[in-house]
N, C-alpha and C. Protein backbone atom coordinates (compact mmCIF):
# COMPACT_ATOMS: atom_id res chain seq x y z
N MET A 1 -30.37 32.99 34.48
CA MET A 1 -30.81 33.09 33.13
C MET A 1 -31.90 34.10 32.77
N ASP A 2 -31.98 35.41 32.27
CA ASP A 2 -33.21 35.76 31.92
C ASP A 2 -34.00 35.44 30.83
N ASP A 3 -35.36 36.09 30.88
CA ASP A 3 -35.88 35.92 29.81
C ASP A 3 -35.62 36.32 28.58
N LYS A 4 -34.58 37.03 28.41
CA LYS A 4 -34.14 37.25 26.74
C LYS A 4 -33.02 36.46 26.53
N ALA A 5 -32.71 35.52 27.00
CA ALA A 5 -31.68 34.39 26.83
C ALA A 5 -32.17 33.81 25.30
N THR A 6 -31.11 33.61 24.41
CA THR A 6 -31.47 32.87 23.31
C THR A 6 -31.74 31.07 23.77
N LEU A 7 -32.47 30.66 23.24
CA LEU A 7 -32.96 29.28 23.19
C LEU A 7 -32.69 28.51 22.48
N ILE A 8 -32.15 27.34 21.77
CA ILE A 8 -32.08 26.42 21.17
C ILE A 8 -32.68 25.38 21.77
N ASP A 9 -34.01 24.78 21.27
CA ASP A 9 -34.79 23.78 21.83
C ASP A 9 -34.16 22.34 21.52
N SER A 10 -34.70 21.37 22.09
CA SER A 10 -33.84 20.10 22.28
C SER A 10 -34.24 19.43 20.77
N GLN A 11 -35.24 20.07 19.77
CA GLN A 11 -35.54 19.81 18.52
C GLN A 11 -35.02 20.02 17.57
N ALA A 12 -34.04 21.22 17.96
CA ALA A 12 -33.03 22.00 17.13
C ALA A 12 -31.75 21.20 16.67
N ASP A 13 -31.30 21.58 15.65
CA ASP A 13 -29.99 21.25 15.27
C ASP A 13 -29.36 22.65 14.18
N VAL A 14 -28.76 23.42 15.09
CA VAL A 14 -28.20 24.39 14.39
C VAL A 14 -26.78 24.50 14.08
N GLU A 15 -26.30 25.31 12.79
CA GLU A 15 -24.93 25.14 12.44
C GLU A 15 -24.81 26.96 12.26
N GLY A 16 -23.57 27.23 12.89
CA GLY A 16 -23.48 28.96 12.70
C GLY A 16 -22.63 29.52 13.81
N LYS A 17 -22.97 30.91 13.68
CA LYS A 17 -22.05 31.60 14.88
C LYS A 17 -23.33 32.29 15.66
N LEU A 18 -23.00 31.69 16.80
CA LEU A 18 -24.05 32.83 18.17
C LEU A 18 -23.69 33.66 18.73
N THR A 19 -24.37 34.80 18.80
CA THR A 19 -23.55 35.98 19.73
C THR A 19 -24.87 36.51 20.42
N GLY A 20 -24.57 37.30 21.46
CA GLY A 20 -25.54 37.96 22.19
C GLY A 20 -25.15 37.96 23.72
N LYS A 21 -26.04 37.96 24.94
CA LYS A 21 -25.76 37.75 26.27
C LYS A 21 -25.95 36.40 26.67
N ASP A 22 -26.95 36.16 26.71
CA ASP A 22 -27.19 34.80 27.62
C ASP A 22 -27.69 33.53 26.46
N ALA A 23 -27.51 32.42 26.67
CA ALA A 23 -27.85 31.14 25.93
C ALA A 23 -28.19 30.08 26.76
N HIS A 24 -29.38 29.26 26.02
CA HIS A 24 -29.54 28.13 26.51
C HIS A 24 -29.72 27.05 25.51
N ILE A 25 -28.88 26.08 25.36
CA ILE A 25 -28.83 25.02 24.61
C ILE A 25 -29.42 23.82 24.80
N LEU A 26 -30.48 23.29 24.33
CA LEU A 26 -31.09 22.11 24.73
C LEU A 26 -30.91 21.03 23.33
N GLY A 27 -30.81 21.40 22.12
CA GLY A 27 -30.60 20.49 20.98
C GLY A 27 -29.11 20.44 20.79
N ARG A 28 -28.77 20.71 19.42
CA ARG A 28 -27.13 20.28 18.77
C ARG A 28 -26.83 21.86 18.19
N PHE A 29 -25.81 21.84 18.22
CA PHE A 29 -25.16 23.24 17.83
C PHE A 29 -23.79 22.82 17.40
N ARG A 30 -23.37 23.54 16.05
CA ARG A 30 -21.99 23.28 15.56
C ARG A 30 -21.71 24.99 14.90
N GLY A 31 -20.39 25.17 15.31
CA GLY A 31 -20.06 26.34 15.07
C GLY A 31 -19.02 27.18 16.40
N GLU A 32 -19.44 28.72 16.33
CA GLU A 32 -19.10 29.54 17.18
C GLU A 32 -20.11 29.90 17.83
N ILE A 33 -19.84 30.11 19.27
CA ILE A 33 -20.60 30.97 20.29
C ILE A 33 -19.78 32.14 20.93
N GLU A 34 -20.19 33.20 21.26
CA GLU A 34 -19.73 34.31 21.42
C GLU A 34 -20.31 35.04 22.17
N LEU A 35 -20.73 34.85 23.89
CA LEU A 35 -21.47 35.39 24.53
C LEU A 35 -20.87 36.47 25.54
N SER A 36 -21.59 37.50 26.21
CA SER A 36 -20.97 38.67 27.02
C SER A 36 -21.65 37.93 28.38
N GLY A 37 -22.63 37.12 28.24
CA GLY A 37 -23.02 36.51 29.51
C GLY A 37 -22.70 34.85 29.91
N ARG A 38 -23.84 34.23 30.29
CA ARG A 38 -23.93 32.67 30.53
C ARG A 38 -24.38 31.82 29.56
N ILE A 39 -23.97 30.74 29.44
CA ILE A 39 -24.69 29.89 28.76
C ILE A 39 -24.67 28.37 29.22
N LEU A 40 -25.99 27.86 28.87
CA LEU A 40 -26.15 26.41 29.71
C LEU A 40 -26.13 25.53 28.64
N ILE A 41 -25.53 24.56 28.55
CA ILE A 41 -25.38 23.52 27.50
C ILE A 41 -26.31 22.44 28.29
N GLY A 42 -27.34 22.09 28.17
CA GLY A 42 -28.26 21.04 28.86
C GLY A 42 -28.26 19.81 28.42
N GLU A 43 -28.79 19.15 29.50
CA GLU A 43 -28.58 17.52 29.18
C GLU A 43 -29.15 17.09 28.35
N GLY A 44 -28.74 16.16 27.40
CA GLY A 44 -29.02 15.61 26.22
C GLY A 44 -28.89 16.52 24.80
N SER A 45 -28.00 17.34 25.25
CA SER A 45 -27.80 18.44 23.93
C SER A 45 -26.38 17.90 23.63
N ARG A 46 -26.16 18.40 22.33
CA ARG A 46 -24.47 18.07 21.95
C ARG A 46 -24.06 19.32 21.23
N VAL A 47 -23.01 19.81 21.78
CA VAL A 47 -22.63 21.10 21.10
C VAL A 47 -20.85 20.97 21.00
N GLU A 48 -20.65 21.28 19.63
CA GLU A 48 -19.19 21.13 18.96
C GLU A 48 -19.02 22.73 18.44
N ALA A 49 -17.98 23.27 19.08
CA ALA A 49 -18.04 24.45 18.85
C ALA A 49 -16.67 25.20 19.57
N LYS A 50 -16.19 26.43 19.26
CA LYS A 50 -15.52 27.21 20.01
C LYS A 50 -16.24 28.11 20.40
N VAL A 51 -16.15 28.44 22.12
CA VAL A 51 -17.01 29.01 22.46
C VAL A 51 -16.18 30.23 23.29
N LYS A 52 -16.89 31.28 23.67
CA LYS A 52 -16.26 32.25 24.57
C LYS A 52 -17.52 32.70 25.33
N ALA A 53 -17.50 32.66 26.85
CA ALA A 53 -18.38 33.11 27.46
C ALA A 53 -18.31 33.65 28.73
N ASP A 54 -18.67 34.43 29.53
CA ASP A 54 -18.60 34.82 31.10
C ASP A 54 -18.45 33.54 31.79
N ALA A 55 -19.68 32.81 31.94
CA ALA A 55 -19.96 31.53 32.74
C ALA A 55 -20.77 30.74 31.79
N VAL A 56 -19.90 29.59 32.04
CA VAL A 56 -20.58 28.29 31.30
C VAL A 56 -21.08 27.01 32.34
N GLU A 57 -22.16 26.62 32.14
CA GLU A 57 -22.55 25.26 32.68
C GLU A 57 -22.58 24.20 31.59
N ILE A 58 -22.44 23.08 32.03
CA ILE A 58 -22.46 22.26 31.09
C ILE A 58 -23.22 20.54 31.39
N ALA A 59 -24.13 20.51 31.11
CA ALA A 59 -25.22 19.12 31.71
C ALA A 59 -25.16 18.11 30.29
N GLY A 60 -24.75 18.49 29.13
CA GLY A 60 -24.57 17.68 28.16
C GLY A 60 -23.19 17.36 27.56
N GLU A 61 -23.44 17.18 26.15
CA GLU A 61 -21.91 16.60 25.67
C GLU A 61 -21.28 17.86 25.03
N PHE A 62 -20.34 18.31 25.15
CA PHE A 62 -19.40 19.27 24.64
C PHE A 62 -18.15 18.86 24.02
N LYS A 63 -18.00 19.48 23.02
CA LYS A 63 -16.43 19.14 22.11
C LYS A 63 -15.79 20.17 21.26
N GLY A 64 -15.02 20.76 21.78
CA GLY A 64 -14.40 22.04 21.26
C GLY A 64 -13.22 22.42 22.07
N GLU A 65 -13.06 23.83 21.74
CA GLU A 65 -12.44 25.08 22.68
C GLU A 65 -13.53 25.72 23.53
N LEU A 66 -13.20 25.91 24.68
CA LEU A 66 -13.92 26.71 25.44
C LEU A 66 -13.17 27.63 26.34
N SER A 67 -13.45 28.99 26.29
CA SER A 67 -12.98 30.07 27.10
C SER A 67 -13.82 30.58 27.79
N ALA A 68 -13.94 30.58 29.52
CA ALA A 68 -14.73 31.44 30.07
C ALA A 68 -14.34 31.67 31.43
N ARG A 69 -14.80 32.61 32.06
CA ARG A 69 -14.36 33.00 33.49
C ARG A 69 -14.59 31.85 34.42
N ASN A 70 -15.88 31.57 34.53
CA ASN A 70 -16.17 30.39 35.29
C ASN A 70 -16.66 29.16 34.40
N LEU A 71 -16.49 27.97 34.57
CA LEU A 71 -16.83 26.96 33.68
C LEU A 71 -17.66 25.64 35.13
N LEU A 72 -18.75 25.27 35.03
CA LEU A 72 -19.33 24.32 35.94
C LEU A 72 -19.54 23.14 34.74
N LEU A 73 -18.80 21.91 35.31
CA LEU A 73 -19.58 20.68 34.58
C LEU A 73 -20.27 19.88 35.58
N LEU A 74 -21.41 19.61 35.22
CA LEU A 74 -22.37 18.94 36.03
C LEU A 74 -22.38 17.39 35.92
N GLU A 75 -23.36 16.85 36.53
CA GLU A 75 -22.97 15.11 36.97
C GLU A 75 -22.83 14.29 35.76
N LYS A 76 -23.88 14.78 34.53
CA LYS A 76 -24.03 14.19 33.22
C LYS A 76 -23.34 14.80 32.31
N GLY A 77 -22.22 15.79 32.33
CA GLY A 77 -21.63 16.69 31.70
C GLY A 77 -20.63 15.66 30.83
N ARG A 78 -20.02 15.92 29.42
CA ARG A 78 -19.38 15.06 29.17
C ARG A 78 -18.39 16.23 28.10
N VAL A 79 -17.27 16.42 28.56
CA VAL A 79 -16.35 17.48 27.75
C VAL A 79 -15.19 16.92 27.09
N GLU A 80 -14.89 17.33 25.86
CA GLU A 80 -13.78 16.62 25.33
C GLU A 80 -12.82 17.93 24.68
N GLY A 81 -11.96 18.58 24.58
CA GLY A 81 -11.37 19.54 23.95
C GLY A 81 -10.23 20.29 25.03
N THR A 82 -10.48 21.54 24.51
CA THR A 82 -9.17 22.76 25.29
C THR A 82 -10.07 23.57 25.99
N LEU A 83 -9.74 24.03 27.45
CA LEU A 83 -10.70 24.54 28.14
C LEU A 83 -9.53 25.49 29.03
N ASP A 84 -10.29 26.84 29.04
CA ASP A 84 -9.32 27.83 29.56
C ASP A 84 -10.34 28.47 30.23
N ALA A 85 -10.14 28.47 31.65
CA ALA A 85 -11.27 29.16 32.61
C ALA A 85 -10.48 29.37 34.01
N GLN A 86 -10.96 30.48 34.35
CA GLN A 86 -10.51 31.05 35.86
C GLN A 86 -10.66 30.10 36.87
N THR A 87 -11.78 29.88 36.88
CA THR A 87 -12.42 28.77 37.85
C THR A 87 -13.12 27.67 37.14
N ILE A 88 -12.71 26.59 37.71
CA ILE A 88 -13.72 25.12 36.79
C ILE A 88 -14.08 24.04 38.22
N ALA A 89 -15.13 23.94 38.07
CA ALA A 89 -15.79 23.13 38.85
C ALA A 89 -16.33 22.12 38.26
N VAL A 90 -15.78 20.61 38.87
CA VAL A 90 -16.60 19.30 38.31
C VAL A 90 -17.44 18.40 38.82
N ARG A 91 -18.26 18.25 38.95
CA ARG A 91 -19.21 17.53 39.77
C ARG A 91 -18.96 16.05 39.52
N GLU A 92 -19.31 14.99 40.51
CA GLU A 92 -19.03 13.62 40.62
C GLU A 92 -20.09 13.22 39.36
N GLY A 93 -19.46 12.38 38.62
CA GLY A 93 -19.89 11.69 37.80
C GLY A 93 -19.74 12.35 36.23
N ALA A 94 -18.91 13.38 36.37
CA ALA A 94 -19.05 14.34 35.29
C ALA A 94 -17.48 13.41 34.46
N GLN A 95 -17.33 13.71 33.22
CA GLN A 95 -16.42 13.46 32.48
C GLN A 95 -15.48 14.55 31.74
N LEU A 96 -14.32 14.43 31.79
CA LEU A 96 -13.49 15.75 31.43
C LEU A 96 -12.20 15.07 30.62
N ASN A 97 -12.27 15.24 29.40
CA ASN A 97 -11.10 14.69 28.90
C ASN A 97 -10.19 15.99 27.72
N GLY A 98 -9.17 16.24 28.18
CA GLY A 98 -8.56 17.19 27.33
C GLY A 98 -7.52 18.07 28.01
N SER A 99 -7.23 19.31 27.43
CA SER A 99 -6.25 20.08 27.90
C SER A 99 -6.91 21.41 28.71
N VAL A 100 -6.69 21.58 30.07
CA VAL A 100 -7.24 22.43 30.89
C VAL A 100 -6.22 23.91 31.31
N THR A 101 -6.54 25.08 31.26
CA THR A 101 -5.69 25.94 32.04
C THR A 101 -6.86 26.48 32.67
N SER A 102 -6.47 26.50 34.03
CA SER A 102 -7.33 27.14 35.32
C SER A 102 -6.40 28.19 35.84
N GLY A 103 -7.37 29.34 36.36
CA GLY A 103 -6.48 30.22 37.30
C GLY A 103 -5.10 30.90 36.57
N GLY A 104 -4.97 30.72 35.25
CA GLY A 104 -3.86 31.47 34.54
C GLY A 104 -2.35 30.36 34.43
N GLY A 105 -2.67 29.16 34.97
CA GLY A 105 -1.90 28.25 35.09
C GLY A 105 -1.25 27.66 33.71
N ALA A 106 -0.49 26.76 33.44
CA ALA A 106 -0.06 25.96 32.71
C ALA A 106 -0.76 25.00 31.92
N LYS A 107 -1.02 24.64 30.72
CA LYS A 107 -1.80 23.42 30.57
C LYS A 107 -1.17 22.19 30.62
N SER A 108 -2.46 21.54 31.06
CA SER A 108 -2.17 20.14 31.26
C SER A 108 -3.00 19.22 30.98
N PRO A 109 -2.82 17.90 30.35
CA PRO A 109 -3.71 17.21 29.94
C PRO A 109 -4.36 16.65 31.25
N VAL A 110 -5.65 16.34 30.58
CA VAL A 110 -6.81 15.78 31.87
C VAL A 110 -7.49 14.71 31.24
N ALA A 111 -7.63 13.59 32.04
CA ALA A 111 -8.62 12.70 32.09
C ALA A 111 -9.24 12.57 33.15
N ALA A 112 -10.63 12.84 33.59
CA ALA A 112 -11.49 12.84 34.65
C ALA A 112 -12.33 11.94 34.39
N HIS A 113 -12.60 10.98 35.31
CA HIS A 113 -14.03 10.32 35.11
C HIS A 113 -14.61 10.02 36.39
N ALA A 114 -15.91 10.15 36.76
CA ALA A 114 -16.79 10.00 38.00
C ALA A 114 -15.79 10.12 39.14
N GLY A 115 -16.56 10.94 39.94
CA GLY A 115 -15.58 11.32 40.92
C GLY A 115 -15.53 12.77 40.92
N GLY A 116 -15.29 13.44 39.85
CA GLY A 116 -14.83 14.89 39.68
C GLY A 116 -13.95 15.04 39.94
N ALA A 117 -12.57 14.37 40.24
CA ALA A 117 -11.37 14.67 40.20
C ALA A 117 -10.85 15.33 39.10
N VAL A 118 -10.05 15.90 38.88
CA VAL A 118 -9.53 16.15 37.78
C VAL A 118 -7.78 16.37 38.09
N ALA A 119 -7.21 15.10 37.02
CA ALA A 119 -6.13 14.69 37.35
C ALA A 119 -5.25 15.69 35.85
N GLY A 120 -3.71 15.84 36.48
CA GLY A 120 -3.01 16.42 35.43
C GLY A 120 -1.92 16.99 35.79
């Protein structure tokens, strides 16, 4: 993430539409996010949104619809919703509940907890 990334700090509570290149969310965000680059949803953050970005890393809580080329769900990440990504990596300890499309395949319901396994 470069110096020009949008930062929503841990004390912020934002509602609306975020557009641009890169973003780092540490607080709360509700609405829509459309980025040409990367978004990091930090540990302790809460995002409820429709998201489109090139790369997404989730260490906090995410609820909504997500479309990305690459998705990384980190150890403390919690995701609920509809995910569409070419590649998805789920680290041990992460939680993923919802519908997943990866690599252009068909959607399948998913419930994955600790262990990082994606069932479906």
